[in-house]
Amino acid sequence: MQQFLLENTNAYRQWRARKLRNYPARTEQLIVDIQNPCQLTQEEKDSLLQMCEKTNLAIYRTRRDDVQDKNIVTALARQLGLIHMDANFCADRDRISSIQALPKGPGSSYIPYTNKPLNWHTDGYYNQDTQRIRAFLMHCVRPAKSGGENTYLDPEILYILLRDHDPEHIEALMDPEVMTIPPNPENSERPDLETTGPVFLIDGPTQTLYTRYTARTRNIQWKDSQACARARSTLLDILDDNPYQFSHRLQSGEGVICNNVLHNRIMFSDKPRSNRLLYRARFYERVARPDLANDMRHTDDVVAE
């Protein structure tokens, strides 16, 4: 992953050219149709893996009738190398979170469990290094009556756009003390736990670019420096307007599987007695085909324009 070090300009330029060559231009290019998510064909599996290798994101669409079966989440994930799930305190006992608007209970004070809009973030940005969320899967059981659309951005694309604008932005956001998440007394798992770290880092176990970020402003402490302020401002401008974002409103039986890309969600409204329901699982592994891991040489023609 030498291309992510600022001193390696040539390696970065070569990687950048490969990354952007034949990069998908439309959300429809990310969609992979699968017959049975619990038993992928080799062609379906390869399509999902190759798409994640190119864009860190794939959208699947299945025609199964029993879309409420939670086994879909674990079975599909396991076939793509995702085994170890993160257990957050709002998750169900099986470590899968049922994402829906809750009128009361422990999760009802957290934005994901309301119908309010969700700002840009990566999952688990508050986790410790030993619990890095490297991938997640979102499976739609029921869409909202209206709204609830997500927008996604590949973190490697964000890195490119920031570095092209000014390499000093990358330097500022790789500072190990740039972003701090203070303790959360409402969270029984981390009432006294503070998390400090960079936005961009090279993940040792996978030798890939790892990104931890949130655009929220409440209870986030950013390093007090001009370089950090400039980098954050440019980052927000990029998130507000760039040609590489993918927007999609998940329908029943559809889902997203990704290497923890940046994402947001617009506000939604529910149907009476038929609320929006998505299953979410977070994993400590990445989606990566063993023979392609850490190697972009064979991904240039994954998506033909």
C-alpha atoms as a PDB file:
ATOM      1  CA  MET A   1       0.000   0.000   0.000  1.00  0.00           C
ATOM      2  CA  GLN A   2       2.909   2.302  -0.768  1.00  0.00           C
ATOM      3  CA  GLN A   3       0.661   4.461  -2.958  1.00  0.00           C
ATOM      4  CA  PHE A   4      -1.044   5.878   0.131  1.00  0.00           C
ATOM      5  CA  LEU A   5       2.199   7.317   1.489  1.00  0.00           C
ATOM      6  CA  LEU A   6       2.684  10.884   0.335  1.00  0.00           C
ATOM      7  CA  GLU A   7       6.355  10.409  -0.512  1.00  0.00           C
ATOM      8  CA  ASN A   8       5.518   7.743  -3.117  1.00  0.00           C
ATOM      9  CA  THR A   9       4.228   9.977  -5.902  1.00  0.00           C
ATOM     10  CA  ASN A  10       4.880   7.587  -8.784  1.00  0.00           C
ATOM     11  CA  ALA A  11       3.191   4.653  -7.037  1.00  0.00           C
ATOM     12  CA  TYR A  12       0.214   6.879  -6.295  1.00  0.00           C
ATOM     13  CA  ARG A  13      -0.122   8.058  -9.899  1.00  0.00           C
ATOM     14  CA  GLN A  14      -0.008   4.511 -11.237  1.00  0.00           C
ATOM     15  CA  TRP A  15      -2.549   3.262  -8.715  1.00  0.00           C
ATOM     16  CA  ARG A  16      -4.785   6.271  -9.301  1.00  0.00           C
ATOM     17  CA  ALA A  17      -4.879   5.610 -13.045  1.00  0.00           C
ATOM     18  CA  ARG A  18      -5.841   1.985 -12.483  1.00  0.00           C
ATOM     19  CA  LYS A  19      -8.445   2.887  -9.870  1.00  0.00           C
ATOM     20  CA  LEU A  20     -10.247   5.423 -12.051  1.00  0.00           C
ATOM     21  CA  ARG A  21     -10.033   3.455 -15.301  1.00  0.00           C
ATOM     22  CA  ASN A  22     -13.500   2.079 -16.142  1.00  0.00           C
ATOM     23  CA  TYR A  23     -14.834   3.226 -12.759  1.00  0.00           C
ATOM     24  CA  PRO A  24     -18.662   2.840 -12.739  1.00  0.00           C
ATOM     25  CA  ALA A  25     -20.591   5.953 -13.647  1.00  0.00           C
ATOM     26  CA  ARG A  26     -24.095   4.793 -12.655  1.00  0.00           C
ATOM     27  CA  THR A  27     -25.582   2.997  -9.678  1.00  0.00           C
ATOM     28  CA  GLU A  28     -27.089   0.381 -12.011  1.00  0.00           C
ATOM     29  CA  GLN A  29     -23.575  -0.826 -12.808  1.00  0.00           C
ATOM     30  CA  LEU A  30     -23.119  -1.903  -9.182  1.00  0.00           C
ATOM     31  CA  ILE A  31     -26.165  -4.194  -9.098  1.00  0.00           C
ATOM     32  CA  VAL A  32     -25.634  -7.949  -9.147  1.00  0.00           C
ATOM     33  CA  ASP A  33     -28.683 -10.205  -9.563  1.00  0.00           C
ATOM     34  CA  ILE A  34     -28.527 -13.384  -7.484  1.00  0.00           C
ATOM     35  CA  GLN A  35     -30.972 -16.254  -7.356  1.00  0.00           C
ATOM     36  CA  ASN A  36     -30.247 -17.654  -3.903  1.00  0.00           C
ATOM     37  CA  PRO A  37     -28.121 -15.563  -1.528  1.00  0.00           C
ATOM     38  CA  CYS A  38     -27.617 -18.597   0.696  1.00  0.00           C
ATOM     39  CA  GLN A  39     -25.991 -20.518  -2.166  1.00  0.00           C
ATOM     40  CA  LEU A  40     -24.290 -18.256  -4.671  1.00  0.00           C
ATOM     41  CA  THR A  41     -23.238 -19.535  -8.049  1.00  0.00           C
ATOM     42  CA  GLN A  42     -19.566 -19.067  -8.875  1.00  0.00           C
ATOM     43  CA  GLU A  43     -20.502 -16.374 -11.387  1.00  0.00           C
ATOM     44  CA  GLU A  44     -22.574 -14.466  -8.811  1.00  0.00           C
ATOM     45  CA  LYS A  45     -19.823 -14.715  -6.214  1.00  0.00           C
ATOM     46  CA  ASP A  46     -17.173 -13.542  -8.652  1.00  0.00           C
ATOM     47  CA  SER A  47     -19.337 -10.587  -9.710  1.00  0.00           C
ATOM     48  CA  LEU A  48     -19.817  -9.437  -6.109  1.00  0.00           C
ATOM     49  CA  LEU A  49     -16.148  -9.860  -5.244  1.00  0.00           C
ATOM     50  CA  GLN A  50     -14.906  -8.109  -8.370  1.00  0.00           C
ATOM     51  CA  MET A  51     -17.288  -5.205  -7.860  1.00  0.00           C
ATOM     52  CA  CYS A  52     -16.106  -4.767  -4.266  1.00  0.00           C
ATOM     53  CA  GLU A  53     -12.519  -4.974  -5.457  1.00  0.00           C
ATOM     54  CA  LYS A  54     -13.102  -2.159  -7.928  1.00  0.00           C
ATOM     55  CA  THR A  55     -15.420   0.142  -5.959  1.00  0.00           C
ATOM     56  CA  ASN A  56     -15.446  -1.305  -2.397  1.00  0.00           C
ATOM     57  CA  LEU A  57     -19.215  -1.585  -2.869  1.00  0.00           C
ATOM     58  CA  ALA A  58     -21.771  -3.885  -4.491  1.00  0.00           C
ATOM     59  CA  ILE A  59     -25.570  -3.930  -4.494  1.00  0.00           C
ATOM     60  CA  TYR A  60     -27.259  -7.298  -4.726  1.00  0.00           C
ATOM     61  CA  ARG A  61     -30.798  -8.077  -5.770  1.00  0.00           C
ATOM     62  CA  THR A  62     -32.498 -11.365  -4.974  1.00  0.00           C
ATOM     63  CA  ARG A  63     -35.942 -12.596  -5.966  1.00  0.00           C
ATOM     64  CA  ARG A  64     -36.415 -14.822  -2.934  1.00  0.00           C
ATOM     65  CA  ASP A  65     -39.790 -14.506  -1.237  1.00  0.00           C
ATOM     66  CA  ASP A  66     -38.541 -15.042   2.326  1.00  0.00           C
ATOM     67  CA  VAL A  67     -36.529 -11.815   2.476  1.00  0.00           C
ATOM     68  CA  GLN A  68     -37.158 -11.556   6.240  1.00  0.00           C
ATOM     69  CA  ASP A  69     -34.973 -14.614   6.888  1.00  0.00           C
ATOM     70  CA  LYS A  70     -31.924 -13.421   8.840  1.00  0.00           C
ATOM     71  CA  ASN A  71     -29.955 -16.402   7.591  1.00  0.00           C
ATOM     72  CA  ILE A  72     -29.619 -14.530   4.303  1.00  0.00           C
ATOM     73  CA  VAL A  73     -27.279 -12.056   5.998  1.00  0.00           C
ATOM     74  CA  THR A  74     -24.924 -14.543   7.618  1.00  0.00           C
ATOM     75  CA  ALA A  75     -24.966 -17.050   4.741  1.00  0.00           C
ATOM     76  CA  LEU A  76     -24.244 -14.441   2.080  1.00  0.00           C
ATOM     77  CA  ALA A  77     -21.542 -12.804   4.167  1.00  0.00           C
ATOM     78  CA  ARG A  78     -19.799 -16.097   4.923  1.00  0.00           C
ATOM     79  CA  GLN A  79     -19.502 -16.905   1.214  1.00  0.00           C
ATOM     80  CA  LEU A  80     -17.644 -13.622   0.744  1.00  0.00           C
ATOM     81  CA  GLY A  81     -15.213 -14.219   3.594  1.00  0.00           C
ATOM     82  CA  LEU A  82     -17.037 -12.231   6.284  1.00  0.00           C
ATOM     83  CA  ILE A  83     -17.173 -14.268   9.474  1.00  0.00           C
ATOM     84  CA  HIS A  84     -16.600 -12.275  12.645  1.00  0.00           C
ATOM     85  CA  MET A  85     -19.386  -9.840  13.483  1.00  0.00           C
ATOM     86  CA  ASP A  86     -19.130  -6.787  15.693  1.00  0.00           C
ATOM     87  CA  ALA A  87     -21.509  -6.778  18.633  1.00  0.00           C
ATOM     88  CA  ASN A  88     -22.801  -3.272  19.284  1.00  0.00           C
ATOM     89  CA  PHE A  89     -25.177  -2.658  22.162  1.00  0.00           C
ATOM     90  CA  CYS A  90     -28.160  -1.939  19.878  1.00  0.00           C
ATOM     91  CA  ALA A  91     -27.755  -5.204  17.956  1.00  0.00           C
ATOM     92  CA  ASP A  92     -29.943  -8.268  18.439  1.00  0.00           C
ATOM     93  CA  ARG A  93     -28.589 -11.312  20.246  1.00  0.00           C
ATOM     94  CA  ASP A  94     -27.297 -12.720  16.966  1.00  0.00           C
ATOM     95  CA  ARG A  95     -25.208  -9.533  16.525  1.00  0.00           C
ATOM     96  CA  ILE A  96     -27.356  -8.444  13.577  1.00  0.00           C
ATOM     97  CA  SER A  97     -29.009  -5.054  14.021  1.00  0.00           C
ATOM     98  CA  SER A  98     -32.633  -4.573  13.026  1.00  0.00           C
ATOM     99  CA  ILE A  99     -32.549  -1.019  11.686  1.00  0.00           C
ATOM    100  CA  GLN A 100     -35.975   0.565  12.023  1.00  0.00           C
ATOM    101  CA  ALA A 101     -37.602   3.584  13.630  1.00  0.00           C
ATOM    102  CA  LEU A 102     -38.107   2.751  17.304  1.00  0.00           C
ATOM    103  CA  PRO A 103     -40.668   4.677  19.408  1.00  0.00           C
ATOM    104  CA  LYS A 104     -38.867   3.754  22.635  1.00  0.00           C
ATOM    105  CA  GLY A 105     -36.073   1.601  24.050  1.00  0.00           C
ATOM    106  CA  PRO A 106     -32.248   1.853  24.209  1.00  0.00           C
ATOM    107  CA  GLY A 107     -31.799   2.524  20.510  1.00  0.00           C
ATOM    108  CA  SER A 108     -34.554   5.098  20.084  1.00  0.00           C
ATOM    109  CA  SER A 109     -32.221   7.989  20.969  1.00  0.00           C
ATOM    110  CA  TYR A 110     -29.799   7.078  18.167  1.00  0.00           C
ATOM    111  CA  ILE A 111     -30.400   8.529  14.698  1.00  0.00           C
ATOM    112  CA  PRO A 112     -30.130   5.197  12.792  1.00  0.00           C
ATOM    113  CA  TYR A 113     -33.156   3.976  14.767  1.00  0.00           C
ATOM    114  CA  THR A 114     -35.278   6.969  13.818  1.00  0.00           C
ATOM    115  CA  ASN A 115     -36.624   8.247  10.517  1.00  0.00           C
ATOM    116  CA  LYS A 116     -34.324  11.270  10.618  1.00  0.00           C
ATOM    117  CA  PRO A 117     -31.587  11.860   8.032  1.00  0.00           C
ATOM    118  CA  LEU A 118     -28.176  10.324   8.718  1.00  0.00           C
ATOM    119  CA  ASN A 119     -25.114  12.420   7.933  1.00  0.00           C
ATOM    120  CA  TRP A 120     -22.013  11.081   6.169  1.00  0.00           C
ATOM    121  CA  HIS A 121     -20.031   8.527   8.136  1.00  0.00           C
ATOM    122  CA  THR A 122     -18.264   5.194   8.116  1.00  0.00           C
ATOM    123  CA  ASP A 123     -19.501   2.522  10.503  1.00  0.00           C
ATOM    124  CA  GLY A 124     -17.660   2.001  13.780  1.00  0.00           C
ATOM    125  CA  TYR A 125     -15.684   5.249  13.619  1.00  0.00           C
ATOM    126  CA  TYR A 126     -15.839   5.216  17.442  1.00  0.00           C
ATOM    127  CA  ASN A 127     -14.475   1.653  17.777  1.00  0.00           C
ATOM    128  CA  GLN A 128     -11.034   0.801  19.103  1.00  0.00           C
ATOM    129  CA  ASP A 129      -8.347  -0.484  16.717  1.00  0.00           C
ATOM    130  CA  THR A 130      -8.955  -4.087  17.766  1.00  0.00           C
ATOM    131  CA  GLN A 131     -12.581  -3.776  16.653  1.00  0.00           C
ATOM    132  CA  ARG A 132     -12.242  -2.054  13.301  1.00  0.00           C
ATOM    133  CA  ILE A 133     -15.302  -2.428  11.110  1.00  0.00           C
ATOM    134  CA  ARG A 134     -13.828  -3.389   7.742  1.00  0.00           C
ATOM    135  CA  ALA A 135     -17.078  -4.386   6.035  1.00  0.00           C
ATOM    136  CA  PHE A 136     -20.814  -4.281   6.524  1.00  0.00           C
ATOM    137  CA  LEU A 137     -23.884  -5.777   4.904  1.00  0.00           C
ATOM    138  CA  MET A 138     -27.306  -4.095   4.804  1.00  0.00           C
ATOM    139  CA  HIS A 139     -30.255  -6.245   3.738  1.00  0.00           C
ATOM    140  CA  CYS A 140     -33.658  -4.688   3.066  1.00  0.00           C
ATOM    141  CA  VAL A 141     -36.735  -6.502   4.356  1.00  0.00           C
ATOM    142  CA  ARG A 142     -39.180  -3.614   3.842  1.00  0.00           C
ATOM    143  CA  PRO A 143     -38.530  -0.203   2.309  1.00  0.00           C
ATOM    144  CA  ALA A 144     -40.080   2.951   3.698  1.00  0.00           C
ATOM    145  CA  LYS A 145     -43.240   4.380   2.229  1.00  0.00           C
ATOM    146  CA  SER A 146     -41.088   7.219   0.910  1.00  0.00           C
ATOM    147  CA  GLY A 147     -37.521   8.359   1.381  1.00  0.00           C
ATOM    148  CA  GLY A 148     -34.769   6.382   3.087  1.00  0.00           C
ATOM    149  CA  GLU A 149     -32.428   6.588   0.105  1.00  0.00           C
ATOM    150  CA  ASN A 150     -28.739   6.037   0.823  1.00  0.00           C
ATOM    151  CA  THR A 151     -25.774   7.615  -0.926  1.00  0.00           C
ATOM    152  CA  TYR A 152     -22.398   5.867  -0.951  1.00  0.00           C
ATOM    153  CA  LEU A 153     -18.821   6.980  -1.643  1.00  0.00           C
ATOM    154  CA  ASP A 154     -15.775   4.750  -1.998  1.00  0.00           C
ATOM    155  CA  PRO A 155     -13.184   5.907   0.600  1.00  0.00           C
ATOM    156  CA  GLU A 156     -10.377   5.389  -1.908  1.00  0.00           C
ATOM    157  CA  ILE A 157     -12.101   7.861  -4.225  1.00  0.00           C
ATOM    158  CA  LEU A 158     -12.369  10.353  -1.365  1.00  0.00           C
ATOM    159  CA  TYR A 159      -8.641   9.900  -0.748  1.00  0.00           C
ATOM    160  CA  ILE A 160      -7.903  10.607  -4.432  1.00  0.00           C
ATOM    161  CA  LEU A 161     -10.071  13.733  -4.553  1.00  0.00           C
ATOM    162  CA  LEU A 162      -8.511  15.117  -1.368  1.00  0.00           C
ATOM    163  CA  ARG A 163      -4.932  14.309  -2.402  1.00  0.00           C
ATOM    164  CA  ASP A 164      -5.435  15.796  -5.850  1.00  0.00           C
ATOM    165  CA  HIS A 165      -6.781  18.966  -4.254  1.00  0.00           C
ATOM    166  CA  ASP A 166      -3.891  19.286  -1.808  1.00  0.00           C
ATOM    167  CA  PRO A 167      -1.617  16.514  -0.425  1.00  0.00           C
ATOM    168  CA  GLU A 168      -1.457  18.437   2.845  1.00  0.00           C
ATOM    169  CA  HIS A 169      -5.099  17.446   3.421  1.00  0.00           C
ATOM    170  CA  ILE A 170      -4.019  13.808   3.498  1.00  0.00           C
ATOM    171  CA  GLU A 171      -1.171  14.604   5.872  1.00  0.00           C
ATOM    172  CA  ALA A 172      -3.582  16.387   8.217  1.00  0.00           C
ATOM    173  CA  LEU A 173      -6.151  13.585   8.138  1.00  0.00           C
ATOM    174  CA  MET A 174      -3.511  10.896   8.737  1.00  0.00           C
ATOM    175  CA  ASP A 175      -2.522  12.598  11.979  1.00  0.00           C
ATOM    176  CA  PRO A 176      -3.065   9.969  14.717  1.00  0.00           C
ATOM    177  CA  GLU A 177      -4.655  12.616  16.953  1.00  0.00           C
ATOM    178  CA  VAL A 178      -6.886  14.349  14.407  1.00  0.00           C
ATOM    179  CA  MET A 179     -10.301  13.014  15.546  1.00  0.00           C
ATOM    180  CA  THR A 180     -11.444  12.064  19.042  1.00  0.00           C
ATOM    181  CA  ILE A 181     -14.726  10.470  20.052  1.00  0.00           C
ATOM    182  CA  PRO A 182     -15.351  11.164  23.750  1.00  0.00           C
ATOM    183  CA  PRO A 183     -16.880   8.626  26.147  1.00  0.00           C
ATOM    184  CA  ASN A 184     -20.572   7.877  25.806  1.00  0.00           C
ATOM    185  CA  PRO A 185     -22.243   7.243  29.184  1.00  0.00           C
ATOM    186  CA  GLU A 186     -25.434   6.080  27.432  1.00  0.00           C
ATOM    187  CA  ASN A 187     -23.576   3.210  25.754  1.00  0.00           C
ATOM    188  CA  SER A 188     -23.091   0.377  28.228  1.00  0.00           C
ATOM    189  CA  GLU A 189     -20.211  -1.015  26.150  1.00  0.00           C
ATOM    190  CA  ARG A 190     -18.092   2.161  26.178  1.00  0.00           C
ATOM    191  CA  PRO A 191     -19.277   4.519  28.954  1.00  0.00           C
ATOM    192  CA  ASP A 192     -15.728   5.638  29.816  1.00  0.00           C
ATOM    193  CA  LEU A 193     -13.951   4.847  26.562  1.00  0.00           C
ATOM    194  CA  GLU A 194     -12.367   7.606  24.487  1.00  0.00           C
ATOM    195  CA  THR A 195     -11.278   6.876  20.917  1.00  0.00           C
ATOM    196  CA  THR A 196      -8.628   8.965  19.182  1.00  0.00           C
ATOM    197  CA  GLY A 197      -7.175   8.315  15.761  1.00  0.00           C
ATOM    198  CA  PRO A 198      -6.723   9.403  12.146  1.00  0.00           C
ATOM    199  CA  VAL A 199      -9.311   9.630   9.399  1.00  0.00           C
ATOM    200  CA  PHE A 200      -7.080   7.776   6.921  1.00  0.00           C
ATOM    201  CA  LEU A 201      -4.668   5.027   7.895  1.00  0.00           C
ATOM    202  CA  ILE A 202      -3.052   1.948   6.417  1.00  0.00           C
ATOM    203  CA  ASP A 203      -4.681  -1.050   8.063  1.00  0.00           C
ATOM    204  CA  GLY A 204      -1.895  -3.411   9.096  1.00  0.00           C
ATOM    205  CA  PRO A 205      -3.715  -6.780   8.901  1.00  0.00           C
ATOM    206  CA  THR A 206      -5.140  -6.128   5.410  1.00  0.00           C
ATOM    207  CA  GLN A 207      -2.589  -3.626   4.060  1.00  0.00           C
ATOM    208  CA  THR A 208      -5.424  -1.516   2.668  1.00  0.00           C
ATOM    209  CA  LEU A 209      -6.590   2.053   3.184  1.00  0.00           C
ATOM    210  CA  TYR A 210      -8.882   2.276   6.198  1.00  0.00           C
ATOM    211  CA  THR A 211     -11.149   5.270   6.796  1.00  0.00           C
ATOM    212  CA  ARG A 212     -12.920   6.378   9.984  1.00  0.00           C
ATOM    213  CA  TYR A 213     -15.054   9.475   9.643  1.00  0.00           C
ATOM    214  CA  THR A 214     -18.235  11.193  10.702  1.00  0.00           C
ATOM    215  CA  ALA A 215     -19.674  14.510   9.549  1.00  0.00           C
ATOM    216  CA  ARG A 216     -21.658  14.863  12.763  1.00  0.00           C
ATOM    217  CA  THR A 217     -20.608  17.784  14.933  1.00  0.00           C
ATOM    218  CA  ARG A 218     -22.003  16.860  18.342  1.00  0.00           C
ATOM    219  CA  ASN A 219     -19.574  15.060  20.655  1.00  0.00           C
ATOM    220  CA  ILE A 220     -16.745  15.016  18.099  1.00  0.00           C
ATOM    221  CA  GLN A 221     -13.414  16.657  18.919  1.00  0.00           C
ATOM    222  CA  TRP A 222     -11.191  17.655  15.991  1.00  0.00           C
ATOM    223  CA  LYS A 223      -7.572  18.707  16.308  1.00  0.00           C
ATOM    224  CA  ASP A 224      -7.296  22.475  16.664  1.00  0.00           C
ATOM    225  CA  SER A 225      -5.058  23.341  13.719  1.00  0.00           C
ATOM    226  CA  GLN A 226      -5.394  25.284  10.482  1.00  0.00           C
ATOM    227  CA  ALA A 227      -4.345  22.236   8.450  1.00  0.00           C
ATOM    228  CA  CYS A 228      -7.101  20.132  10.011  1.00  0.00           C
ATOM    229  CA  ALA A 229      -9.699  22.861   9.486  1.00  0.00           C
ATOM    230  CA  ARG A 230      -8.772  23.219   5.808  1.00  0.00           C
ATOM    231  CA  ALA A 231      -8.818  19.459   5.247  1.00  0.00           C
ATOM    232  CA  ARG A 232     -12.215  19.092   6.936  1.00  0.00           C
ATOM    233  CA  SER A 233     -13.679  21.938   4.899  1.00  0.00           C
ATOM    234  CA  THR A 234     -12.482  20.439   1.616  1.00  0.00           C
ATOM    235  CA  LEU A 235     -13.704  17.002   2.655  1.00  0.00           C
ATOM    236  CA  LEU A 236     -17.192  18.350   3.305  1.00  0.00           C
ATOM    237  CA  ASP A 237     -17.182  20.153  -0.037  1.00  0.00           C
ATOM    238  CA  ILE A 238     -16.305  16.884  -1.776  1.00  0.00           C
ATOM    239  CA  LEU A 239     -19.047  15.000   0.025  1.00  0.00           C
ATOM    240  CA  ASP A 240     -21.503  17.704  -0.973  1.00  0.00           C
ATOM    241  CA  ASP A 241     -20.672  17.506  -4.672  1.00  0.00           C
ATOM    242  CA  ASN A 242     -18.626  14.978  -6.638  1.00  0.00           C
ATOM    243  CA  PRO A 243     -19.349  12.719  -9.639  1.00  0.00           C
ATOM    244  CA  TYR A 244     -18.412   9.456  -7.925  1.00  0.00           C
ATOM    245  CA  GLN A 245     -21.329   9.051  -5.495  1.00  0.00           C
ATOM    246  CA  PHE A 246     -23.941   6.329  -5.875  1.00  0.00           C
ATOM    247  CA  SER A 247     -27.486   6.822  -4.598  1.00  0.00           C
ATOM    248  CA  HIS A 248     -29.997   4.011  -4.215  1.00  0.00           C
ATOM    249  CA  ARG A 249     -33.219   3.295  -2.350  1.00  0.00           C
ATOM    250  CA  LEU A 250     -33.135  -0.351  -1.323  1.00  0.00           C
ATOM    251  CA  GLN A 251     -36.194  -2.448  -2.126  1.00  0.00           C
ATOM    252  CA  SER A 252     -37.285  -5.708  -0.496  1.00  0.00           C
ATOM    253  CA  GLY A 253     -34.715  -8.397  -1.180  1.00  0.00           C
ATOM    254  CA  GLU A 254     -31.965  -5.957  -2.094  1.00  0.00           C
ATOM    255  CA  GLY A 255     -28.870  -5.237  -0.081  1.00  0.00           C
ATOM    256  CA  VAL A 256     -25.508  -3.538   0.061  1.00  0.00           C
ATOM    257  CA  ILE A 257     -22.256  -5.277   0.817  1.00  0.00           C
ATOM    258  CA  CYS A 258     -19.153  -3.141   1.091  1.00  0.00           C
ATOM    259  CA  ASN A 259     -15.769  -2.461   2.619  1.00  0.00           C
ATOM    260  CA  ASN A 260     -17.189   0.115   5.028  1.00  0.00           C
ATOM    261  CA  VAL A 261     -17.719   2.893   2.501  1.00  0.00           C
ATOM    262  CA  LEU A 262     -18.873   6.363   3.473  1.00  0.00           C
ATOM    263  CA  HIS A 263     -22.647   6.625   3.376  1.00  0.00           C
ATOM    264  CA  ASN A 264     -25.604   8.740   4.436  1.00  0.00           C
ATOM    265  CA  ARG A 265     -29.408   8.440   4.462  1.00  0.00           C
ATOM    266  CA  ILE A 266     -32.198  10.875   3.754  1.00  0.00           C
ATOM    267  CA  MET A 267     -35.289  11.192   5.952  1.00  0.00           C
ATOM    268  CA  PHE A 268     -38.101   8.697   5.395  1.00  0.00           C
ATOM    269  CA  SER A 269     -41.756   8.113   6.280  1.00  0.00           C
ATOM    270  CA  ASP A 270     -43.249   4.727   7.103  1.00  0.00           C
ATOM    271  CA  LYS A 271     -46.447   2.953   6.203  1.00  0.00           C
ATOM    272  CA  PRO A 272     -48.847   2.258   9.107  1.00  0.00           C
ATOM    273  CA  ARG A 273     -48.006  -1.145  10.665  1.00  0.00           C
ATOM    274  CA  SER A 274     -45.390  -1.796   7.979  1.00  0.00           C
ATOM    275  CA  ASN A 275     -42.282   0.103   8.944  1.00  0.00           C
ATOM    276  CA  ARG A 276     -38.976   0.269   7.103  1.00  0.00           C
ATOM    277  CA  LEU A 277     -36.770  -2.632   8.214  1.00  0.00           C
ATOM    278  CA  LEU A 278     -33.180  -3.388   7.279  1.00  0.00           C
ATOM    279  CA  TYR A 279     -30.815  -5.954   8.760  1.00  0.00           C
ATOM    280  CA  ARG A 280     -27.270  -4.742   9.304  1.00  0.00           C
ATOM    281  CA  ALA A 281     -24.210  -6.826  10.101  1.00  0.00           C
ATOM    282  CA  ARG A 282     -20.750  -5.376  10.687  1.00  0.00           C
ATOM    283  CA  PHE A 283     -17.608  -7.442  10.191  1.00  0.00           C
ATOM    284  CA  TYR A 284     -13.946  -7.341  11.162  1.00  0.00           C
ATOM    285  CA  GLU A 285     -12.909  -8.811   7.785  1.00  0.00           C
ATOM    286  CA  ARG A 286     -12.906  -7.135   4.356  1.00  0.00           C
ATOM    287  CA  VAL A 287     -14.650  -8.379   1.237  1.00  0.00           C
ATOM    288  CA  ALA A 288     -11.696  -9.474  -0.858  1.00  0.00           C
ATOM    289  CA  ARG A 289     -10.983 -12.364  -3.178  1.00  0.00           C
ATOM    290  CA  PRO A 290      -7.769 -14.033  -1.983  1.00  0.00           C
ATOM    291  CA  ASP A 291      -6.107 -13.979  -5.413  1.00  0.00           C
ATOM    292  CA  LEU A 292      -7.007 -10.292  -5.874  1.00  0.00           C
ATOM    293  CA  ALA A 293      -6.442  -8.958  -2.375  1.00  0.00           C
ATOM    294  CA  ASN A 294      -4.206  -5.891  -2.328  1.00  0.00           C
ATOM    295  CA  ASP A 295      -3.743  -6.075  -6.105  1.00  0.00           C
ATOM    296  CA  MET A 296      -5.561  -3.814  -8.534  1.00  0.00           C
ATOM    297  CA  ARG A 297      -3.841  -5.158 -11.617  1.00  0.00           C
ATOM    298  CA  HIS A 298      -6.768  -7.286 -12.728  1.00  0.00           C
ATOM    299  CA  THR A 299      -9.634  -4.899 -11.936  1.00  0.00           C
ATOM    300  CA  ASP A 300      -9.284  -2.456 -14.806  1.00  0.00           C
ATOM    301  CA  ASP A 301     -11.912  -4.119 -16.970  1.00  0.00           C
ATOM    302  CA  VAL A 302     -14.364  -5.203 -14.273  1.00  0.00           C
ATOM    303  CA  VAL A 303     -16.863  -2.598 -15.406  1.00  0.00           C
ATOM    304  CA  ALA A 304     -17.022  -1.816 -19.099  1.00  0.00           C
ATOM    305  CA  GLU A 305     -18.417   1.527 -20.148  1.00  0.00           C
END
